[in-house]
Amino acid sequence: MLAKLQTFSLLGIDALPVEVEVDVSPSGLPKTVLVGLPEAAVRESTHRVERAMVNSGFQRPQSRLVINLAPAQPPPGKFPQTRG
């Protein structure tokens, strides 16, 4: 695991804690993969995440980048159960 951090996700006017884990795998084709929170808006934001990294001055790794978004402590009924 390259990095682990805490952030928040907005649900209405509530800010819910989210744990983010980032892993860079030297095997595989260069690609950014978002996993975890099942919302369509999160799945569709892969390109925005890549551009934000480049625009912040980071060089995009030439390997597989996996970003896992997991509710830190989801309130009951707020997030659907995911199965992996």
Protein backbone atom coordinates (compact mmCIF):
# COMPACT_ATOMS: atom_id res chain seq x y z
CA MET A 1 0.00 0.00 0.00
CA LEU A 2 1.41 3.35 -1.04
CA ALA A 3 -0.78 5.61 1.11
CA LYS A 4 -3.75 5.61 3.48
CA LEU A 5 -5.70 8.72 4.43
CA GLN A 6 -8.95 9.89 5.96
CA THR A 7 -11.37 12.20 4.16
CA PHE A 8 -15.12 12.85 3.99
CA SER A 9 -18.01 12.17 1.63
CA LEU A 10 -21.07 14.40 1.49
CA LEU A 11 -24.46 12.81 1.96
CA GLY A 12 -26.95 15.65 1.84
CA ILE A 13 -25.58 18.11 4.39
CA ASP A 14 -23.80 15.40 6.41
CA ALA A 15 -20.08 14.76 6.06
CA LEU A 16 -19.38 11.03 6.48
CA PRO A 17 -15.82 9.79 7.10
CA VAL A 18 -14.20 7.80 4.30
CA GLU A 19 -10.95 5.86 4.42
CA VAL A 20 -8.86 6.00 1.21
CA GLU A 21 -6.17 3.44 0.42
CA VAL A 22 -3.89 3.82 -2.60
CA ASP A 23 -1.78 1.06 -4.08
CA VAL A 24 0.58 1.11 -7.05
CA SER A 25 1.18 -2.23 -8.75
CA PRO A 26 4.11 -2.43 -11.15
CA SER A 27 2.48 -5.32 -13.00
CA GLY A 28 -0.30 -4.72 -15.47
CA LEU A 29 -1.08 -1.95 -17.90
CA PRO A 30 -1.02 1.70 -16.77
CA LYS A 31 -4.54 2.32 -15.50
CA THR A 32 -6.33 4.03 -12.62
CA VAL A 33 -9.00 1.93 -10.92
CA LEU A 34 -11.46 3.30 -8.33
CA VAL A 35 -13.09 0.70 -6.10
CA GLY A 36 -15.20 0.89 -2.97
CA LEU A 37 -18.12 3.25 -2.61
CA PRO A 38 -20.61 2.04 -5.22
CA GLU A 39 -22.04 5.38 -6.35
CA ALA A 40 -21.99 5.99 -10.11
CA ALA A 41 -20.52 9.47 -9.62
CA VAL A 42 -17.51 7.93 -7.85
CA ARG A 43 -16.97 5.31 -10.58
CA GLU A 44 -17.15 7.99 -13.28
CA SER A 45 -14.58 10.26 -11.63
CA THR A 46 -11.48 8.24 -12.59
CA HIS A 47 -10.38 10.77 -15.22
CA ARG A 48 -10.94 13.69 -12.83
CA VAL A 49 -8.72 11.98 -10.25
CA GLU A 50 -5.96 11.44 -12.82
CA ARG A 51 -6.13 15.05 -14.02
CA ALA A 52 -6.15 16.38 -10.45
CA MET A 53 -2.93 14.46 -9.71
CA VAL A 54 -1.22 15.84 -12.83
CA ASN A 55 -2.49 19.39 -12.22
CA SER A 56 -1.18 19.20 -8.62
CA GLY A 57 2.32 18.59 -9.96
CA PHE A 58 2.49 14.82 -9.50
CA GLN A 59 3.70 12.58 -12.27
CA ARG A 60 1.25 9.78 -13.03
CA PRO A 61 2.84 6.39 -12.35
CA GLN A 62 3.29 4.18 -15.42
CA SER A 63 1.69 1.24 -13.64
CA ARG A 64 -1.69 0.16 -12.26
CA LEU A 65 -3.00 2.59 -9.62
CA VAL A 66 -5.80 1.22 -7.40
CA ILE A 67 -7.72 3.65 -5.17
CA ASN A 68 -10.02 2.02 -2.61
CA LEU A 69 -12.73 4.20 -1.05
CA ALA A 70 -14.37 2.67 2.00
CA PRO A 71 -16.77 4.19 4.53
CA ALA A 72 -14.78 4.51 7.76
CA GLN A 73 -17.83 3.91 9.98
CA PRO A 74 -20.98 3.94 7.86
CA PRO A 75 -24.18 4.85 9.66
CA PRO A 76 -26.78 2.07 9.49
CA GLY A 77 -28.67 2.20 6.19
CA LYS A 78 -26.57 4.98 4.68
CA PHE A 79 -24.45 2.82 2.35
CA PRO A 80 -25.50 -0.44 0.73
CA GLN A 81 -23.55 -3.57 1.58
CA THR A 82 -20.94 -4.41 -1.04
CA ARG A 83 -19.71 -7.90 -1.78
CA GLY A 84 -16.31 -8.58 -3.23
